[in-house]
Amino acid sequence: MTYNIHHANPPSKAEAGDIDIDAIAAVIRKENPDLVALQEVDVNTQRSGKVNQAKAIAEKLGMEAFFGRAIDHQGGYYGVAILSKYPLTETKVTPLPEDAAPASEDRVLASAKVRLPGGMVIRFGSTHLDVVNPENREQQVRAINGIAAEDAVPFIVAGDFNAVPGSGAILELDKTFTRTCTADCAPTIPVDKPDRTIDFIAFSKGSPFEVVSQKVIPERYASDHLPVVATLRY
């Protein structure tokens, strides 16, 4: 699953700043994924009540968590996270480049190795690309592609790419990864009237995966993005 959780602040309660961790956890629990890439995660920020959201969501689901800090925010941190049913090893946070617009908000790739049932080891990553500058997004994808090329194990990357199919960033992604949806992909944002597909799950080319299914979950309360779930066979 990939899910931009809008720091667990439901859009209908955005002005009040209400936080609903339980709603996010319930969406994930219903789909029962093995691995989850989260974006827009707060850790110990003022606006979210000084809660480590990655840890709190993971505890509610009985999963492991790894948080990747992108920026400091309101006395805490803001970034992406990984949730997993299986132990996470070799965790790392990789800053992504932003040469085209250096003043843009910093972006990262959080990744970890995971041993799946049956013994296969993969790397799983969560990312959230630049929302403003398309050249930054393309450069950030090239950096992720480079990381995948250097890794000897299959790599699954998921996240909010802030780019639609056919854009420069997604064309770059498609050079190294196979998206779980490549045609007529259901839109993921905005939740009230979805009209753009910017959230993706993809695996490195040459990985022994077959896409069994992919779906966009029509959950319109918990966040401003719809979550994406894919089932892979190996």
C-alpha atoms as a PDB file:
ATOM      1  CA  MET A   1       0.000   0.000   0.000  1.00  0.00           C
ATOM      2  CA  THR A   2       0.990   3.598  -0.506  1.00  0.00           C
ATOM      3  CA  TYR A   3      -0.887   6.296   1.378  1.00  0.00           C
ATOM      4  CA  ASN A   4      -0.343  10.027   1.742  1.00  0.00           C
ATOM      5  CA  ILE A   5      -1.958  10.530   5.164  1.00  0.00           C
ATOM      6  CA  HIS A   6      -2.013  14.366   5.345  1.00  0.00           C
ATOM      7  CA  HIS A   7      -0.482  14.133   8.869  1.00  0.00           C
ATOM      8  CA  ALA A   8      -3.664  12.279   9.918  1.00  0.00           C
ATOM      9  CA  ASN A   9      -5.666  15.482   9.588  1.00  0.00           C
ATOM     10  CA  PRO A  10      -8.935  14.737   7.735  1.00  0.00           C
ATOM     11  CA  PRO A  11      -9.629  17.386   5.064  1.00  0.00           C
ATOM     12  CA  SER A  12     -13.099  17.998   6.516  1.00  0.00           C
ATOM     13  CA  LYS A  13     -11.407  18.972   9.785  1.00  0.00           C
ATOM     14  CA  ALA A  14      -8.434  20.779   8.304  1.00  0.00           C
ATOM     15  CA  GLU A  15      -9.364  24.197   9.682  1.00  0.00           C
ATOM     16  CA  ALA A  16      -9.850  22.799  13.170  1.00  0.00           C
ATOM     17  CA  GLY A  17      -6.552  20.946  12.929  1.00  0.00           C
ATOM     18  CA  ASP A  18      -8.082  17.765  14.295  1.00  0.00           C
ATOM     19  CA  ILE A  19      -5.902  14.655  14.188  1.00  0.00           C
ATOM     20  CA  ASP A  20      -7.429  11.207  13.659  1.00  0.00           C
ATOM     21  CA  ILE A  21      -4.774   8.488  13.846  1.00  0.00           C
ATOM     22  CA  ASP A  22      -7.473   5.867  14.365  1.00  0.00           C
ATOM     23  CA  ALA A  23      -9.016   6.669  10.983  1.00  0.00           C
ATOM     24  CA  ILE A  24      -5.713   6.161   9.175  1.00  0.00           C
ATOM     25  CA  ALA A  25      -5.064   2.919  11.041  1.00  0.00           C
ATOM     26  CA  ALA A  26      -8.572   1.669  10.209  1.00  0.00           C
ATOM     27  CA  VAL A  27      -8.042   2.252   6.474  1.00  0.00           C
ATOM     28  CA  ILE A  28      -4.801   0.282   6.552  1.00  0.00           C
ATOM     29  CA  ARG A  29      -6.185  -2.469   8.787  1.00  0.00           C
ATOM     30  CA  LYS A  30      -9.102  -3.088   6.419  1.00  0.00           C
ATOM     31  CA  GLU A  31      -6.743  -3.790   3.501  1.00  0.00           C
ATOM     32  CA  ASN A  32      -4.269  -5.792   5.641  1.00  0.00           C
ATOM     33  CA  PRO A  33      -1.152  -5.029   3.559  1.00  0.00           C
ATOM     34  CA  ASP A  34       2.246  -6.579   4.270  1.00  0.00           C
ATOM     35  CA  LEU A  35       4.095  -3.352   3.485  1.00  0.00           C
ATOM     36  CA  VAL A  36       2.977   0.261   3.561  1.00  0.00           C
ATOM     37  CA  ALA A  37       4.616   3.437   2.279  1.00  0.00           C
ATOM     38  CA  LEU A  38       3.323   6.509   4.127  1.00  0.00           C
ATOM     39  CA  GLN A  39       3.824  10.164   3.191  1.00  0.00           C
ATOM     40  CA  GLU A  40       3.178  13.424   5.069  1.00  0.00           C
ATOM     41  CA  VAL A  41       3.923  11.857   8.440  1.00  0.00           C
ATOM     42  CA  ASP A  42       4.453  13.984  11.561  1.00  0.00           C
ATOM     43  CA  VAL A  43       6.753  13.000  14.402  1.00  0.00           C
ATOM     44  CA  ASN A  44       6.469  15.048  17.598  1.00  0.00           C
ATOM     45  CA  THR A  45       5.178  18.197  15.872  1.00  0.00           C
ATOM     46  CA  GLN A  46       3.079  20.785  17.671  1.00  0.00           C
ATOM     47  CA  ARG A  47       0.204  20.566  15.188  1.00  0.00           C
ATOM     48  CA  SER A  48      -0.153  16.811  15.730  1.00  0.00           C
ATOM     49  CA  GLY A  49       0.004  16.823  19.493  1.00  0.00           C
ATOM     50  CA  LYS A  50       3.669  15.824  19.826  1.00  0.00           C
ATOM     51  CA  VAL A  51       2.871  12.255  18.704  1.00  0.00           C
ATOM     52  CA  ASN A  52       5.184  10.001  16.739  1.00  0.00           C
ATOM     53  CA  GLN A  53       2.624   9.180  14.066  1.00  0.00           C
ATOM     54  CA  ALA A  54       4.678   6.443  12.391  1.00  0.00           C
ATOM     55  CA  LYS A  55       5.102   4.621  15.689  1.00  0.00           C
ATOM     56  CA  ALA A  56       1.503   5.198  16.800  1.00  0.00           C
ATOM     57  CA  ILE A  57       0.001   3.854  13.573  1.00  0.00           C
ATOM     58  CA  ALA A  58       2.352   0.871  13.577  1.00  0.00           C
ATOM     59  CA  GLU A  59       1.467  -0.006  17.165  1.00  0.00           C
ATOM     60  CA  LYS A  60      -2.248   0.042  16.373  1.00  0.00           C
ATOM     61  CA  LEU A  61      -1.621  -2.385  13.500  1.00  0.00           C
ATOM     62  CA  GLY A  62       0.983  -4.620  15.113  1.00  0.00           C
ATOM     63  CA  MET A  63       3.551  -3.634  12.478  1.00  0.00           C
ATOM     64  CA  GLU A  64       7.122  -2.387  12.501  1.00  0.00           C
ATOM     65  CA  ALA A  65       7.818   1.215  11.551  1.00  0.00           C
ATOM     66  CA  PHE A  66      10.700   3.204  10.117  1.00  0.00           C
ATOM     67  CA  PHE A  67      10.453   6.989   9.746  1.00  0.00           C
ATOM     68  CA  GLY A  68      12.420   9.067   7.280  1.00  0.00           C
ATOM     69  CA  ARG A  69      12.807  12.738   8.260  1.00  0.00           C
ATOM     70  CA  ALA A  70      12.551  15.172   5.367  1.00  0.00           C
ATOM     71  CA  ILE A  71      12.347  18.477   7.281  1.00  0.00           C
ATOM     72  CA  ASP A  72      12.105  19.905  10.773  1.00  0.00           C
ATOM     73  CA  HIS A  73       8.625  21.205  11.540  1.00  0.00           C
ATOM     74  CA  GLN A  74       6.980  22.792  14.580  1.00  0.00           C
ATOM     75  CA  GLY A  75       9.397  21.368  17.111  1.00  0.00           C
ATOM     76  CA  GLY A  76       9.439  17.926  15.504  1.00  0.00           C
ATOM     77  CA  TYR A  77       9.893  16.286  12.127  1.00  0.00           C
ATOM     78  CA  TYR A  78       7.921  15.708   8.940  1.00  0.00           C
ATOM     79  CA  GLY A  79       8.566  13.121   6.273  1.00  0.00           C
ATOM     80  CA  VAL A  80       7.789   9.624   5.054  1.00  0.00           C
ATOM     81  CA  ALA A  81       7.561   6.233   6.722  1.00  0.00           C
ATOM     82  CA  ILE A  82       7.506   2.497   6.123  1.00  0.00           C
ATOM     83  CA  LEU A  83       5.261   0.024   7.931  1.00  0.00           C
ATOM     84  CA  SER A  84       5.948  -3.704   7.689  1.00  0.00           C
ATOM     85  CA  LYS A  85       4.599  -6.995   9.001  1.00  0.00           C
ATOM     86  CA  TYR A  86       8.165  -8.309   8.773  1.00  0.00           C
ATOM     87  CA  PRO A  87      11.457  -7.180  10.368  1.00  0.00           C
ATOM     88  CA  LEU A  88      13.135  -4.191   8.736  1.00  0.00           C
ATOM     89  CA  THR A  89      16.909  -4.194   8.282  1.00  0.00           C
ATOM     90  CA  GLU A  90      19.486  -1.922   6.650  1.00  0.00           C
ATOM     91  CA  THR A  91      17.167   1.062   7.035  1.00  0.00           C
ATOM     92  CA  LYS A  92      18.310   4.323   5.534  1.00  0.00           C
ATOM     93  CA  VAL A  93      17.112   7.790   4.621  1.00  0.00           C
ATOM     94  CA  THR A  94      18.491   9.172   1.362  1.00  0.00           C
ATOM     95  CA  PRO A  95      18.134  12.911   0.636  1.00  0.00           C
ATOM     96  CA  LEU A  96      16.920  13.537  -2.899  1.00  0.00           C
ATOM     97  CA  PRO A  97      18.405  16.273  -5.114  1.00  0.00           C
ATOM     98  CA  GLU A  98      16.704  19.569  -5.884  1.00  0.00           C
ATOM     99  CA  ASP A  99      19.208  21.373  -8.101  1.00  0.00           C
ATOM    100  CA  ALA A 100      16.574  22.952 -10.365  1.00  0.00           C
ATOM    101  CA  ALA A 101      14.924  24.739  -7.440  1.00  0.00           C
ATOM    102  CA  PRO A 102      17.143  24.508  -4.333  1.00  0.00           C
ATOM    103  CA  ALA A 103      14.690  26.495  -2.214  1.00  0.00           C
ATOM    104  CA  SER A 104      12.078  23.749  -2.570  1.00  0.00           C
ATOM    105  CA  GLU A 105      11.060  21.656   0.424  1.00  0.00           C
ATOM    106  CA  ASP A 106      13.613  18.922   1.024  1.00  0.00           C
ATOM    107  CA  ARG A 107      12.588  15.430  -0.115  1.00  0.00           C
ATOM    108  CA  VAL A 108      13.867  11.969   0.836  1.00  0.00           C
ATOM    109  CA  LEU A 109      13.617   8.269   0.100  1.00  0.00           C
ATOM    110  CA  ALA A 110      13.208   6.078   3.177  1.00  0.00           C
ATOM    111  CA  SER A 111      14.053   2.455   2.494  1.00  0.00           C
ATOM    112  CA  ALA A 112      14.689  -0.834   4.237  1.00  0.00           C
ATOM    113  CA  LYS A 113      15.436  -4.434   3.431  1.00  0.00           C
ATOM    114  CA  VAL A 114      12.656  -6.921   4.159  1.00  0.00           C
ATOM    115  CA  ARG A 115      12.761 -10.715   4.152  1.00  0.00           C
ATOM    116  CA  LEU A 116       9.457 -11.957   2.753  1.00  0.00           C
ATOM    117  CA  PRO A 117       7.788 -15.302   3.518  1.00  0.00           C
ATOM    118  CA  GLY A 118       9.688 -17.925   1.558  1.00  0.00           C
ATOM    119  CA  GLY A 119      12.980 -16.168   2.107  1.00  0.00           C
ATOM    120  CA  MET A 120      13.129 -13.559  -0.676  1.00  0.00           C
ATOM    121  CA  VAL A 121      14.868 -10.342   0.401  1.00  0.00           C
ATOM    122  CA  ILE A 122      13.737  -7.075  -1.167  1.00  0.00           C
ATOM    123  CA  ARG A 123      14.280  -3.387  -0.593  1.00  0.00           C
ATOM    124  CA  PHE A 124      11.114  -1.382   0.027  1.00  0.00           C
ATOM    125  CA  GLY A 125      11.048   2.394  -0.243  1.00  0.00           C
ATOM    126  CA  SER A 126       8.679   5.256   0.503  1.00  0.00           C
ATOM    127  CA  THR A 127       9.046   8.667  -1.108  1.00  0.00           C
ATOM    128  CA  HIS A 128       7.253  11.978  -1.700  1.00  0.00           C
ATOM    129  CA  LEU A 129       8.570  14.078  -4.566  1.00  0.00           C
ATOM    130  CA  ASP A 130       8.721  17.839  -5.083  1.00  0.00           C
ATOM    131  CA  VAL A 131       5.250  19.338  -5.445  1.00  0.00           C
ATOM    132  CA  VAL A 132       6.307  22.475  -7.344  1.00  0.00           C
ATOM    133  CA  ASN A 133       9.202  21.923  -9.750  1.00  0.00           C
ATOM    134  CA  PRO A 134       8.980  19.246 -12.479  1.00  0.00           C
ATOM    135  CA  GLU A 135      12.738  19.296 -13.115  1.00  0.00           C
ATOM    136  CA  ASN A 136      13.338  18.546  -9.445  1.00  0.00           C
ATOM    137  CA  ARG A 137      10.929  15.618  -9.678  1.00  0.00           C
ATOM    138  CA  GLU A 138      12.744  14.192 -12.687  1.00  0.00           C
ATOM    139  CA  GLN A 139      16.091  14.552 -10.936  1.00  0.00           C
ATOM    140  CA  GLN A 140      14.701  12.919  -7.804  1.00  0.00           C
ATOM    141  CA  VAL A 141      13.411   9.953  -9.812  1.00  0.00           C
ATOM    142  CA  ARG A 142      16.793   9.580 -11.512  1.00  0.00           C
ATOM    143  CA  ALA A 143      18.378   9.414  -8.062  1.00  0.00           C
ATOM    144  CA  ILE A 144      15.935   6.669  -7.018  1.00  0.00           C
ATOM    145  CA  ASN A 145      16.645   4.828 -10.270  1.00  0.00           C
ATOM    146  CA  GLY A 146      20.351   4.997  -9.467  1.00  0.00           C
ATOM    147  CA  ILE A 147      19.781   3.525  -6.016  1.00  0.00           C
ATOM    148  CA  ALA A 148      17.783   0.670  -7.533  1.00  0.00           C
ATOM    149  CA  ALA A 149      20.510  -0.019 -10.085  1.00  0.00           C
ATOM    150  CA  GLU A 150      23.127  -0.338  -7.343  1.00  0.00           C
ATOM    151  CA  ASP A 151      21.063  -2.759  -5.228  1.00  0.00           C
ATOM    152  CA  ALA A 152      21.357  -6.477  -5.889  1.00  0.00           C
ATOM    153  CA  VAL A 153      17.873  -7.279  -4.569  1.00  0.00           C
ATOM    154  CA  PRO A 154      14.429  -6.492  -6.027  1.00  0.00           C
ATOM    155  CA  PHE A 155      13.338  -2.961  -5.133  1.00  0.00           C
ATOM    156  CA  ILE A 156       9.744  -1.863  -4.593  1.00  0.00           C
ATOM    157  CA  VAL A 157       9.240   1.903  -4.379  1.00  0.00           C
ATOM    158  CA  ALA A 158       5.926   3.531  -3.543  1.00  0.00           C
ATOM    159  CA  GLY A 159       4.706   6.999  -2.787  1.00  0.00           C
ATOM    160  CA  ASP A 160       3.299  10.329  -3.827  1.00  0.00           C
ATOM    161  CA  PHE A 161       5.223  11.298  -6.949  1.00  0.00           C
ATOM    162  CA  ASN A 162       3.306  14.553  -7.528  1.00  0.00           C
ATOM    163  CA  ALA A 163       3.411  13.624 -11.212  1.00  0.00           C
ATOM    164  CA  VAL A 164       0.914  12.064 -13.584  1.00  0.00           C
ATOM    165  CA  PRO A 165       1.487   9.265 -16.122  1.00  0.00           C
ATOM    166  CA  GLY A 166       3.240  10.614 -19.198  1.00  0.00           C
ATOM    167  CA  SER A 167       5.042  13.361 -17.278  1.00  0.00           C
ATOM    168  CA  GLY A 168       8.813  13.598 -17.282  1.00  0.00           C
ATOM    169  CA  ALA A 169       9.154  12.154 -13.796  1.00  0.00           C
ATOM    170  CA  ILE A 170       7.002   9.105 -14.514  1.00  0.00           C
ATOM    171  CA  LEU A 171       8.686   8.507 -17.866  1.00  0.00           C
ATOM    172  CA  GLU A 172      11.971   8.474 -15.939  1.00  0.00           C
ATOM    173  CA  LEU A 173      10.515   6.065 -13.380  1.00  0.00           C
ATOM    174  CA  ASP A 174       9.376   3.746 -16.150  1.00  0.00           C
ATOM    175  CA  LYS A 175      12.958   3.373 -17.383  1.00  0.00           C
ATOM    176  CA  THR A 176      13.954   1.425 -14.259  1.00  0.00           C
ATOM    177  CA  PHE A 177      10.689   0.371 -12.625  1.00  0.00           C
ATOM    178  CA  THR A 178       7.458  -1.328 -13.646  1.00  0.00           C
ATOM    179  CA  ARG A 179       4.408   0.385 -12.182  1.00  0.00           C
ATOM    180  CA  THR A 180       1.643  -1.857 -10.858  1.00  0.00           C
ATOM    181  CA  CYS A 181      -0.737   0.149 -13.027  1.00  0.00           C
ATOM    182  CA  THR A 182       0.436   1.282 -16.447  1.00  0.00           C
ATOM    183  CA  ALA A 183      -2.780   2.161 -18.296  1.00  0.00           C
ATOM    184  CA  ASP A 184      -6.076   3.785 -17.317  1.00  0.00           C
ATOM    185  CA  CYS A 185      -4.911   4.132 -13.709  1.00  0.00           C
ATOM    186  CA  ALA A 186      -7.636   5.324 -11.353  1.00  0.00           C
ATOM    187  CA  PRO A 187      -7.129   8.844  -9.985  1.00  0.00           C
ATOM    188  CA  THR A 188      -5.863   9.292  -6.421  1.00  0.00           C
ATOM    189  CA  ILE A 189      -6.460  12.963  -5.675  1.00  0.00           C
ATOM    190  CA  PRO A 190      -8.443  15.010  -4.650  1.00  0.00           C
ATOM    191  CA  VAL A 191     -10.643  12.740  -2.573  1.00  0.00           C
ATOM    192  CA  ASP A 192     -13.921  14.571  -3.225  1.00  0.00           C
ATOM    193  CA  LYS A 193     -13.642  14.445  -7.042  1.00  0.00           C
ATOM    194  CA  PRO A 194     -10.504  12.492  -7.970  1.00  0.00           C
ATOM    195  CA  ASP A 195      -9.106  13.549 -11.339  1.00  0.00           C
ATOM    196  CA  ARG A 196      -5.322  12.949 -11.171  1.00  0.00           C
ATOM    197  CA  THR A 197      -3.186   9.862 -10.631  1.00  0.00           C
ATOM    198  CA  ILE A 198      -0.025  10.799  -8.715  1.00  0.00           C
ATOM    199  CA  ASP A 199       0.388   7.953  -6.196  1.00  0.00           C
ATOM    200  CA  PHE A 200       2.174   4.844  -7.463  1.00  0.00           C
ATOM    201  CA  ILE A 201       3.662   1.490  -6.510  1.00  0.00           C
ATOM    202  CA  ALA A 202       6.456   0.141  -8.736  1.00  0.00           C
ATOM    203  CA  PHE A 203       9.076  -2.604  -8.723  1.00  0.00           C
ATOM    204  CA  SER A 204      12.499  -2.671 -10.349  1.00  0.00           C
ATOM    205  CA  LYS A 205      12.649  -4.241 -13.794  1.00  0.00           C
ATOM    206  CA  GLY A 206      13.895  -7.805 -13.649  1.00  0.00           C
ATOM    207  CA  SER A 207      12.217  -8.421 -10.296  1.00  0.00           C
ATOM    208  CA  PRO A 208      10.389 -11.771 -10.120  1.00  0.00           C
ATOM    209  CA  PHE A 209       7.020 -10.129  -9.529  1.00  0.00           C
ATOM    210  CA  GLU A 210       3.697 -10.480 -11.296  1.00  0.00           C
ATOM    211  CA  VAL A 211       0.916  -7.978 -10.658  1.00  0.00           C
ATOM    212  CA  VAL A 212      -2.128  -9.872  -9.416  1.00  0.00           C
ATOM    213  CA  SER A 213      -4.239  -6.792  -8.779  1.00  0.00           C
ATOM    214  CA  GLN A 214      -4.167  -3.076  -8.100  1.00  0.00           C
ATOM    215  CA  LYS A 215      -6.892  -0.863  -6.746  1.00  0.00           C
ATOM    216  CA  VAL A 216      -7.436   2.651  -5.495  1.00  0.00           C
ATOM    217  CA  ILE A 217      -9.425   2.625  -2.259  1.00  0.00           C
ATOM    218  CA  PRO A 218     -12.405   5.048  -2.280  1.00  0.00           C
ATOM    219  CA  GLU A 219     -11.802   6.239   1.300  1.00  0.00           C
ATOM    220  CA  ARG A 220     -12.714   9.914   1.406  1.00  0.00           C
ATOM    221  CA  TYR A 221     -12.575  10.895   5.085  1.00  0.00           C
ATOM    222  CA  ALA A 222      -9.158  10.166   6.542  1.00  0.00           C
ATOM    223  CA  SER A 223      -6.860  12.011   4.104  1.00  0.00           C
ATOM    224  CA  ASP A 224      -6.788  14.199   1.005  1.00  0.00           C
ATOM    225  CA  HIS A 225      -5.320  11.297  -1.030  1.00  0.00           C
ATOM    226  CA  LEU A 226      -6.843   7.934  -1.814  1.00  0.00           C
ATOM    227  CA  PRO A 227      -4.667   4.962  -0.840  1.00  0.00           C
ATOM    228  CA  VAL A 228      -3.371   2.562  -3.479  1.00  0.00           C
ATOM    229  CA  VAL A 229      -3.048  -1.191  -2.876  1.00  0.00           C
ATOM    230  CA  ALA A 230      -1.322  -3.715  -5.122  1.00  0.00           C
ATOM    231  CA  THR A 231      -0.973  -7.470  -4.766  1.00  0.00           C
ATOM    232  CA  LEU A 232       2.201  -8.991  -6.187  1.00  0.00           C
ATOM    233  CA  ARG A 233       2.998 -12.653  -6.745  1.00  0.00           C
ATOM    234  CA  TYR A 234       6.501 -14.081  -6.754  1.00  0.00           C
END
